[in-house]
Amino acid sequence: MSFGDSFEERVEEQAEHRYHWADVIVNTTYMNDVMRAVCVIPGLFTFLEWYKTEHMKKTLYRHAEYATEHTEARPKINTKRKDFMCHILASKGPPATNKEVASHFNVIMMAGAVTIATFLAGVTYYLSHNKSALELMGCEYLTAVVEEGLRMYPPAGARHLSRIVSPGDCEIDGEWIPGGTRVLVHQCLAYLEMRMVLAKLFWHYDLVWFNSDEIDWDRDSKGYTLWEKPALRATLRRVE
């Protein structure tokens, strides 16, 4: 939806296997939390910006590199898909620079690439522990499962990610929004993705095993801006 092709198609395989883009995003949000914390110590933030630890290079800076790499490659693709980039390139007014576009996709990938996957992993774990809820989901209770899954395991629950219009109102995409309005970016798209993936997954497959003896989702999840999740391994059997 962002770049007109499959996720990570152009990202070269890294020697550190855990540092493909999805993991980079999770680790980047952790480093953002660390950087917010060090801001309270005078001079330390400036020092880290200058020193650039190896972990910062593999997270904050690599994420920006991936966003720039995909942004520069997208206009060269001959595709009729109406992805996000298509609308940015066709927008009226002065054309945005690659750096400006990449900065937008830096945020889009941070907000949209891992959050849905986090929700799906969490709700799959809880459904596997609650067979009655899994059965009800197949009886037209899909929306209820999504809502309860979001309540139990919100993909990004950090309070500093609030989207509330500041006092004084503002204009968003030509629409005048009064101050105090809570703006939920791409909420409808997120709900569509969650419902579609869950419906297709459990319509076509039965969950016959997962590593419940190894993990406890509540105990093993570590909460930063995004969740650092335990490894969920499962066996799915195609419904005949």
C-alpha atoms as a PDB file:
ATOM      1  CA  MET A   1       0.000   0.000   0.000  1.00  0.00           C
ATOM      2  CA  SER A   2       2.948   2.329   0.496  1.00  0.00           C
ATOM      3  CA  PHE A   3       5.445   1.492  -2.234  1.00  0.00           C
ATOM      4  CA  GLY A   4       3.565  -0.534  -4.829  1.00  0.00           C
ATOM      5  CA  ASP A   5       5.218  -3.882  -4.098  1.00  0.00           C
ATOM      6  CA  SER A   6       5.789  -6.436  -1.357  1.00  0.00           C
ATOM      7  CA  PHE A   7       7.105  -5.372   2.012  1.00  0.00           C
ATOM      8  CA  GLU A   8      10.928  -5.437   2.171  1.00  0.00           C
ATOM      9  CA  GLU A   9      11.315  -6.568  -1.445  1.00  0.00           C
ATOM     10  CA  ARG A  10      14.245  -4.212  -1.961  1.00  0.00           C
ATOM     11  CA  VAL A  11      15.854  -4.413   1.458  1.00  0.00           C
ATOM     12  CA  GLU A  12      19.030  -6.441   1.212  1.00  0.00           C
ATOM     13  CA  GLU A  13      19.434  -9.314   3.634  1.00  0.00           C
ATOM     14  CA  GLN A  14      21.379  -8.205   6.688  1.00  0.00           C
ATOM     15  CA  ALA A  15      24.089 -10.191   8.393  1.00  0.00           C
ATOM     16  CA  GLU A  16      22.172  -9.680  11.636  1.00  0.00           C
ATOM     17  CA  HIS A  17      19.024 -11.617  10.690  1.00  0.00           C
ATOM     18  CA  ARG A  18      16.906  -9.893  13.341  1.00  0.00           C
ATOM     19  CA  TYR A  19      17.484  -6.520  11.737  1.00  0.00           C
ATOM     20  CA  HIS A  20      15.095  -6.751   8.818  1.00  0.00           C
ATOM     21  CA  TRP A  21      12.785  -3.739   8.562  1.00  0.00           C
ATOM     22  CA  ALA A  22       9.988  -4.922  10.855  1.00  0.00           C
ATOM     23  CA  ASP A  23      12.430  -5.604  13.677  1.00  0.00           C
ATOM     24  CA  VAL A  24      14.229  -2.360  12.956  1.00  0.00           C
ATOM     25  CA  ILE A  25      10.940  -0.509  13.486  1.00  0.00           C
ATOM     26  CA  VAL A  26      10.304  -2.154  16.859  1.00  0.00           C
ATOM     27  CA  ASN A  27      13.869  -1.490  17.990  1.00  0.00           C
ATOM     28  CA  THR A  28      13.657   2.068  16.684  1.00  0.00           C
ATOM     29  CA  THR A  29      10.631   2.838  18.857  1.00  0.00           C
ATOM     30  CA  TYR A  30      12.553   1.449  21.835  1.00  0.00           C
ATOM     31  CA  MET A  31      15.479   3.759  21.040  1.00  0.00           C
ATOM     32  CA  ASN A  32      13.062   6.689  20.692  1.00  0.00           C
ATOM     33  CA  ASP A  33      11.851   5.934  24.213  1.00  0.00           C
ATOM     34  CA  VAL A  34      15.451   5.826  25.441  1.00  0.00           C
ATOM     35  CA  MET A  35      16.208   9.160  23.768  1.00  0.00           C
ATOM     36  CA  ARG A  36      13.148  10.736  25.392  1.00  0.00           C
ATOM     37  CA  ALA A  37      14.376   9.506  28.756  1.00  0.00           C
ATOM     38  CA  VAL A  38      17.910  10.866  28.365  1.00  0.00           C
ATOM     39  CA  CYS A  39      16.535  14.305  27.507  1.00  0.00           C
ATOM     40  CA  VAL A  40      16.086  14.929  31.234  1.00  0.00           C
ATOM     41  CA  ILE A  41      19.882  14.708  31.722  1.00  0.00           C
ATOM     42  CA  PRO A  42      21.512  17.953  30.495  1.00  0.00           C
ATOM     43  CA  GLY A  43      23.937  17.408  27.646  1.00  0.00           C
ATOM     44  CA  LEU A  44      23.415  13.647  27.277  1.00  0.00           C
ATOM     45  CA  PHE A  45      21.044  13.886  24.292  1.00  0.00           C
ATOM     46  CA  THR A  46      23.507  16.137  22.433  1.00  0.00           C
ATOM     47  CA  PHE A  47      26.334  13.721  23.229  1.00  0.00           C
ATOM     48  CA  LEU A  48      24.399  10.720  21.881  1.00  0.00           C
ATOM     49  CA  GLU A  49      23.494  12.606  18.709  1.00  0.00           C
ATOM     50  CA  TRP A  50      27.213  13.206  18.184  1.00  0.00           C
ATOM     51  CA  TYR A  51      28.508   9.806  19.319  1.00  0.00           C
ATOM     52  CA  LYS A  52      25.883   7.588  17.590  1.00  0.00           C
ATOM     53  CA  THR A  53      26.132   4.200  19.291  1.00  0.00           C
ATOM     54  CA  GLU A  54      26.178   1.027  17.193  1.00  0.00           C
ATOM     55  CA  HIS A  55      22.638   0.167  18.315  1.00  0.00           C
ATOM     56  CA  MET A  56      21.415   3.603  17.195  1.00  0.00           C
ATOM     57  CA  LYS A  57      22.952   3.004  13.767  1.00  0.00           C
ATOM     58  CA  LYS A  58      21.149  -0.334  13.473  1.00  0.00           C
ATOM     59  CA  THR A  59      17.784   1.123  14.473  1.00  0.00           C
ATOM     60  CA  LEU A  60      17.102   4.863  14.192  1.00  0.00           C
ATOM     61  CA  TYR A  61      19.408   5.462  11.257  1.00  0.00           C
ATOM     62  CA  ARG A  62      18.743   2.191   9.429  1.00  0.00           C
ATOM     63  CA  HIS A  63      14.992   2.795   9.548  1.00  0.00           C
ATOM     64  CA  ALA A  64      15.512   6.203   7.928  1.00  0.00           C
ATOM     65  CA  GLU A  65      17.785   4.603   5.308  1.00  0.00           C
ATOM     66  CA  TYR A  66      15.149   1.993   4.425  1.00  0.00           C
ATOM     67  CA  ALA A  67      12.442   4.662   4.094  1.00  0.00           C
ATOM     68  CA  THR A  68      14.691   6.732   1.805  1.00  0.00           C
ATOM     69  CA  GLU A  69      15.696   3.693  -0.267  1.00  0.00           C
ATOM     70  CA  HIS A  70      12.085   2.685  -0.915  1.00  0.00           C
ATOM     71  CA  THR A  71      10.988   6.268  -1.558  1.00  0.00           C
ATOM     72  CA  GLU A  72      13.653   6.775  -4.242  1.00  0.00           C
ATOM     73  CA  ALA A  73      12.890   3.422  -5.893  1.00  0.00           C
ATOM     74  CA  ARG A  74       9.089   3.791  -6.034  1.00  0.00           C
ATOM     75  CA  PRO A  75       8.838   6.336  -8.927  1.00  0.00           C
ATOM     76  CA  LYS A  76      10.839   3.941 -11.109  1.00  0.00           C
ATOM     77  CA  ILE A  77       8.217   1.184 -10.784  1.00  0.00           C
ATOM     78  CA  ASN A  78       5.736   0.916 -13.646  1.00  0.00           C
ATOM     79  CA  THR A  79       2.541   0.073 -11.770  1.00  0.00           C
ATOM     80  CA  LYS A  80      -1.131   1.011 -11.889  1.00  0.00           C
ATOM     81  CA  ARG A  81      -1.655   0.319  -8.201  1.00  0.00           C
ATOM     82  CA  LYS A  82      -3.106   3.273  -6.300  1.00  0.00           C
ATOM     83  CA  ASP A  83      -0.741   3.143  -3.347  1.00  0.00           C
ATOM     84  CA  PHE A  84       0.047   5.972  -0.927  1.00  0.00           C
ATOM     85  CA  MET A  85       2.987   7.120  -3.028  1.00  0.00           C
ATOM     86  CA  CYS A  86       0.745   7.435  -6.088  1.00  0.00           C
ATOM     87  CA  HIS A  87      -1.375  10.058  -4.336  1.00  0.00           C
ATOM     88  CA  ILE A  88       1.662  11.926  -3.023  1.00  0.00           C
ATOM     89  CA  LEU A  89       3.215  12.102  -6.491  1.00  0.00           C
ATOM     90  CA  ALA A  90      -0.083  13.272  -8.017  1.00  0.00           C
ATOM     91  CA  SER A  91      -0.805  15.924  -5.373  1.00  0.00           C
ATOM     92  CA  LYS A  92      -1.265  19.542  -6.437  1.00  0.00           C
ATOM     93  CA  GLY A  93       1.169  22.301  -5.605  1.00  0.00           C
ATOM     94  CA  PRO A  94       4.984  22.344  -5.547  1.00  0.00           C
ATOM     95  CA  PRO A  95       6.426  18.819  -5.772  1.00  0.00           C
ATOM     96  CA  ALA A  96       7.861  17.440  -2.542  1.00  0.00           C
ATOM     97  CA  THR A  97      11.530  16.532  -2.412  1.00  0.00           C
ATOM     98  CA  ASN A  98      12.613  12.919  -1.881  1.00  0.00           C
ATOM     99  CA  LYS A  99      13.729  13.876   1.611  1.00  0.00           C
ATOM    100  CA  GLU A 100      10.295  15.295   2.459  1.00  0.00           C
ATOM    101  CA  VAL A 101       8.469  12.250   1.071  1.00  0.00           C
ATOM    102  CA  ALA A 102      10.838   9.864   2.854  1.00  0.00           C
ATOM    103  CA  SER A 103      10.173  11.631   6.146  1.00  0.00           C
ATOM    104  CA  HIS A 104       6.435  10.934   5.712  1.00  0.00           C
ATOM    105  CA  PHE A 105       7.036   7.264   4.943  1.00  0.00           C
ATOM    106  CA  ASN A 106       9.369   7.075   7.905  1.00  0.00           C
ATOM    107  CA  VAL A 107       6.285   7.791  10.048  1.00  0.00           C
ATOM    108  CA  ILE A 108       3.831   5.741   7.940  1.00  0.00           C
ATOM    109  CA  MET A 109       5.957   2.615   8.213  1.00  0.00           C
ATOM    110  CA  MET A 110       6.511   3.207  11.918  1.00  0.00           C
ATOM    111  CA  ALA A 111       2.785   3.558  12.578  1.00  0.00           C
ATOM    112  CA  GLY A 112       1.307   1.023  10.160  1.00  0.00           C
ATOM    113  CA  ALA A 113       3.724  -1.791   9.421  1.00  0.00           C
ATOM    114  CA  VAL A 114       4.073  -3.388  12.849  1.00  0.00           C
ATOM    115  CA  THR A 115       0.915  -2.355  14.699  1.00  0.00           C
ATOM    116  CA  ILE A 116      -1.455  -4.619  12.742  1.00  0.00           C
ATOM    117  CA  ALA A 117       0.971  -7.544  13.027  1.00  0.00           C
ATOM    118  CA  THR A 118       1.228  -6.923  16.781  1.00  0.00           C
ATOM    119  CA  PHE A 119      -2.552  -6.968  17.161  1.00  0.00           C
ATOM    120  CA  LEU A 120      -2.894 -10.155  15.088  1.00  0.00           C
ATOM    121  CA  ALA A 121      -0.240 -11.975  17.122  1.00  0.00           C
ATOM    122  CA  GLY A 122      -1.844 -10.938  20.403  1.00  0.00           C
ATOM    123  CA  VAL A 123      -5.422 -11.766  19.415  1.00  0.00           C
ATOM    124  CA  THR A 124      -4.325 -15.149  17.995  1.00  0.00           C
ATOM    125  CA  TYR A 125      -2.724 -16.011  21.332  1.00  0.00           C
ATOM    126  CA  TYR A 126      -5.801 -15.031  23.337  1.00  0.00           C
ATOM    127  CA  LEU A 127      -8.189 -16.787  20.948  1.00  0.00           C
ATOM    128  CA  SER A 128      -6.149 -19.964  21.239  1.00  0.00           C
ATOM    129  CA  HIS A 129      -6.742 -19.803  25.004  1.00  0.00           C
ATOM    130  CA  ASN A 130     -10.462 -19.167  24.588  1.00  0.00           C
ATOM    131  CA  LYS A 131     -12.076 -21.688  22.270  1.00  0.00           C
ATOM    132  CA  SER A 132     -15.582 -20.334  22.907  1.00  0.00           C
ATOM    133  CA  ALA A 133     -14.512 -16.881  21.703  1.00  0.00           C
ATOM    134  CA  LEU A 134     -12.880 -18.476  18.663  1.00  0.00           C
ATOM    135  CA  GLU A 135     -16.142 -20.244  17.838  1.00  0.00           C
ATOM    136  CA  LEU A 136     -18.180 -17.060  18.348  1.00  0.00           C
ATOM    137  CA  MET A 137     -15.909 -15.204  15.925  1.00  0.00           C
ATOM    138  CA  GLY A 138     -17.162 -17.519  13.205  1.00  0.00           C
ATOM    139  CA  CYS A 139     -20.757 -16.660  14.139  1.00  0.00           C
ATOM    140  CA  GLU A 140     -20.729 -13.023  13.064  1.00  0.00           C
ATOM    141  CA  TYR A 141     -18.895 -11.741  16.155  1.00  0.00           C
ATOM    142  CA  LEU A 142     -15.766 -10.696  14.283  1.00  0.00           C
ATOM    143  CA  THR A 143     -16.091  -7.024  15.227  1.00  0.00           C
ATOM    144  CA  ALA A 144     -16.502  -7.948  18.900  1.00  0.00           C
ATOM    145  CA  VAL A 145     -13.309 -10.010  18.740  1.00  0.00           C
ATOM    146  CA  VAL A 146     -11.438  -7.103  17.163  1.00  0.00           C
ATOM    147  CA  GLU A 147     -12.692  -4.662  19.796  1.00  0.00           C
ATOM    148  CA  GLU A 148     -11.853  -6.989  22.680  1.00  0.00           C
ATOM    149  CA  GLY A 149      -8.445  -7.752  21.170  1.00  0.00           C
ATOM    150  CA  LEU A 150      -7.676  -4.038  20.986  1.00  0.00           C
ATOM    151  CA  ARG A 151      -8.768  -3.617  24.592  1.00  0.00           C
ATOM    152  CA  MET A 152      -6.636  -6.476  25.873  1.00  0.00           C
ATOM    153  CA  TYR A 153      -3.566  -5.852  23.717  1.00  0.00           C
ATOM    154  CA  PRO A 154      -3.517  -2.371  22.115  1.00  0.00           C
ATOM    155  CA  PRO A 155      -0.686  -2.390  19.550  1.00  0.00           C
ATOM    156  CA  ALA A 156       0.584   1.064  20.500  1.00  0.00           C
ATOM    157  CA  GLY A 157      -0.597   2.276  23.842  1.00  0.00           C
ATOM    158  CA  ALA A 158       1.932   5.029  24.537  1.00  0.00           C
ATOM    159  CA  ARG A 159       0.294   8.190  25.869  1.00  0.00           C
ATOM    160  CA  HIS A 160       2.741  10.423  24.003  1.00  0.00           C
ATOM    161  CA  LEU A 161       1.198   9.249  20.693  1.00  0.00           C
ATOM    162  CA  SER A 162      -2.067  11.096  21.272  1.00  0.00           C
ATOM    163  CA  ARG A 163      -3.674  12.704  18.224  1.00  0.00           C
ATOM    164  CA  ILE A 164      -5.751  15.557  19.649  1.00  0.00           C
ATOM    165  CA  VAL A 165      -6.107  18.854  17.779  1.00  0.00           C
ATOM    166  CA  SER A 166      -4.521  21.690  19.769  1.00  0.00           C
ATOM    167  CA  PRO A 167      -6.646  24.633  20.955  1.00  0.00           C
ATOM    168  CA  GLY A 168      -7.207  27.129  18.157  1.00  0.00           C
ATOM    169  CA  ASP A 169      -8.415  24.646  15.495  1.00  0.00           C
ATOM    170  CA  CYS A 170      -6.501  23.599  12.382  1.00  0.00           C
ATOM    171  CA  GLU A 171      -6.985  22.598   8.749  1.00  0.00           C
ATOM    172  CA  ILE A 172      -6.310  18.992   7.699  1.00  0.00           C
ATOM    173  CA  ASP A 173      -6.489  18.111   3.997  1.00  0.00           C
ATOM    174  CA  GLY A 174      -8.824  21.018   3.333  1.00  0.00           C
ATOM    175  CA  GLU A 175     -11.135  20.251   6.251  1.00  0.00           C
ATOM    176  CA  TRP A 176     -11.424  22.620   9.228  1.00  0.00           C
ATOM    177  CA  ILE A 177     -11.065  20.632  12.479  1.00  0.00           C
ATOM    178  CA  PRO A 178     -12.017  22.266  15.821  1.00  0.00           C
ATOM    179  CA  GLY A 179      -9.620  22.168  18.749  1.00  0.00           C
ATOM    180  CA  GLY A 180      -9.983  19.193  21.096  1.00  0.00           C
ATOM    181  CA  THR A 181     -11.017  16.764  18.341  1.00  0.00           C
ATOM    182  CA  ARG A 182      -9.366  13.346  18.627  1.00  0.00           C
ATOM    183  CA  VAL A 183      -7.911  12.455  15.236  1.00  0.00           C
ATOM    184  CA  LEU A 184      -7.517   8.712  14.563  1.00  0.00           C
ATOM    185  CA  VAL A 185      -5.285   8.359  11.546  1.00  0.00           C
ATOM    186  CA  HIS A 186      -6.352   5.561   9.159  1.00  0.00           C
ATOM    187  CA  GLN A 187      -8.699   3.991  11.726  1.00  0.00           C
ATOM    188  CA  CYS A 188     -11.034   2.630   9.045  1.00  0.00           C
ATOM    189  CA  LEU A 189      -8.123   1.132   7.093  1.00  0.00           C
ATOM    190  CA  ALA A 190      -6.730  -0.507  10.244  1.00  0.00           C
ATOM    191  CA  TYR A 191     -10.108  -2.063  11.111  1.00  0.00           C
ATOM    192  CA  LEU A 192     -10.468  -3.307   7.537  1.00  0.00           C
ATOM    193  CA  GLU A 193      -7.047  -4.976   7.651  1.00  0.00           C
ATOM    194  CA  MET A 194      -7.656  -6.607  11.034  1.00  0.00           C
ATOM    195  CA  ARG A 195     -11.084  -7.940  10.094  1.00  0.00           C
ATOM    196  CA  MET A 196      -9.959  -9.172   6.671  1.00  0.00           C
ATOM    197  CA  VAL A 197      -6.867 -11.026   7.926  1.00  0.00           C
ATOM    198  CA  LEU A 198      -8.650 -12.633  10.877  1.00  0.00           C
ATOM    199  CA  ALA A 199     -11.611 -13.689   8.735  1.00  0.00           C
ATOM    200  CA  LYS A 200      -9.437 -15.235   6.022  1.00  0.00           C
ATOM    201  CA  LEU A 201      -7.040 -16.862   8.481  1.00  0.00           C
ATOM    202  CA  PHE A 202      -9.648 -18.655  10.591  1.00  0.00           C
ATOM    203  CA  TRP A 203     -11.980 -19.387   7.673  1.00  0.00           C
ATOM    204  CA  HIS A 204      -9.310 -21.312   5.795  1.00  0.00           C
ATOM    205  CA  TYR A 205      -7.266 -22.718   8.702  1.00  0.00           C
ATOM    206  CA  ASP A 206      -7.710 -24.383  12.076  1.00  0.00           C
ATOM    207  CA  LEU A 207      -5.243 -23.568  14.834  1.00  0.00           C
ATOM    208  CA  VAL A 208      -4.132 -27.013  16.020  1.00  0.00           C
ATOM    209  CA  TRP A 209      -1.086 -26.165  18.155  1.00  0.00           C
ATOM    210  CA  PHE A 210       0.920 -23.265  19.526  1.00  0.00           C
ATOM    211  CA  ASN A 211       3.757 -22.999  22.031  1.00  0.00           C
ATOM    212  CA  SER A 212       1.568 -22.295  25.081  1.00  0.00           C
ATOM    213  CA  ASP A 213       3.946 -24.254  27.321  1.00  0.00           C
ATOM    214  CA  GLU A 214       6.781 -21.836  26.503  1.00  0.00           C
ATOM    215  CA  ILE A 215       5.209 -18.384  26.585  1.00  0.00           C
ATOM    216  CA  ASP A 216       2.851 -16.290  28.648  1.00  0.00           C
ATOM    217  CA  TRP A 217       1.778 -13.311  26.566  1.00  0.00           C
ATOM    218  CA  ASP A 218       1.094 -11.006  29.506  1.00  0.00           C
ATOM    219  CA  ARG A 219       4.269 -11.988  31.326  1.00  0.00           C
ATOM    220  CA  ASP A 220       6.644 -12.026  28.360  1.00  0.00           C
ATOM    221  CA  SER A 221       5.527  -8.912  26.445  1.00  0.00           C
ATOM    222  CA  LYS A 222       7.628  -5.826  27.122  1.00  0.00           C
ATOM    223  CA  GLY A 223       5.891  -2.509  26.649  1.00  0.00           C
ATOM    224  CA  TYR A 224       7.593   0.487  25.095  1.00  0.00           C
ATOM    225  CA  THR A 225       5.984   2.684  22.428  1.00  0.00           C
ATOM    226  CA  LEU A 226       5.328  -0.651  20.690  1.00  0.00           C
ATOM    227  CA  TRP A 227       5.329  -4.100  22.259  1.00  0.00           C
ATOM    228  CA  GLU A 228       8.386  -6.307  22.201  1.00  0.00           C
ATOM    229  CA  LYS A 229       6.553  -9.590  21.716  1.00  0.00           C
ATOM    230  CA  PRO A 230       7.465 -13.146  22.704  1.00  0.00           C
ATOM    231  CA  ALA A 231       7.976 -15.643  19.887  1.00  0.00           C
ATOM    232  CA  LEU A 232       4.564 -17.074  18.966  1.00  0.00           C
ATOM    233  CA  ARG A 233       4.887 -20.333  17.046  1.00  0.00           C
ATOM    234  CA  ALA A 234       1.803 -22.124  15.809  1.00  0.00           C
ATOM    235  CA  THR A 235       0.669 -24.960  13.553  1.00  0.00           C
ATOM    236  CA  LEU A 236      -2.252 -24.266  11.221  1.00  0.00           C
ATOM    237  CA  ARG A 237      -4.172 -26.964   9.338  1.00  0.00           C
ATOM    238  CA  ARG A 238      -6.069 -26.060   6.200  1.00  0.00           C
ATOM    239  CA  VAL A 239      -9.784 -26.663   6.480  1.00  0.00           C
ATOM    240  CA  GLU A 240     -10.929 -29.314   3.998  1.00  0.00           C
END
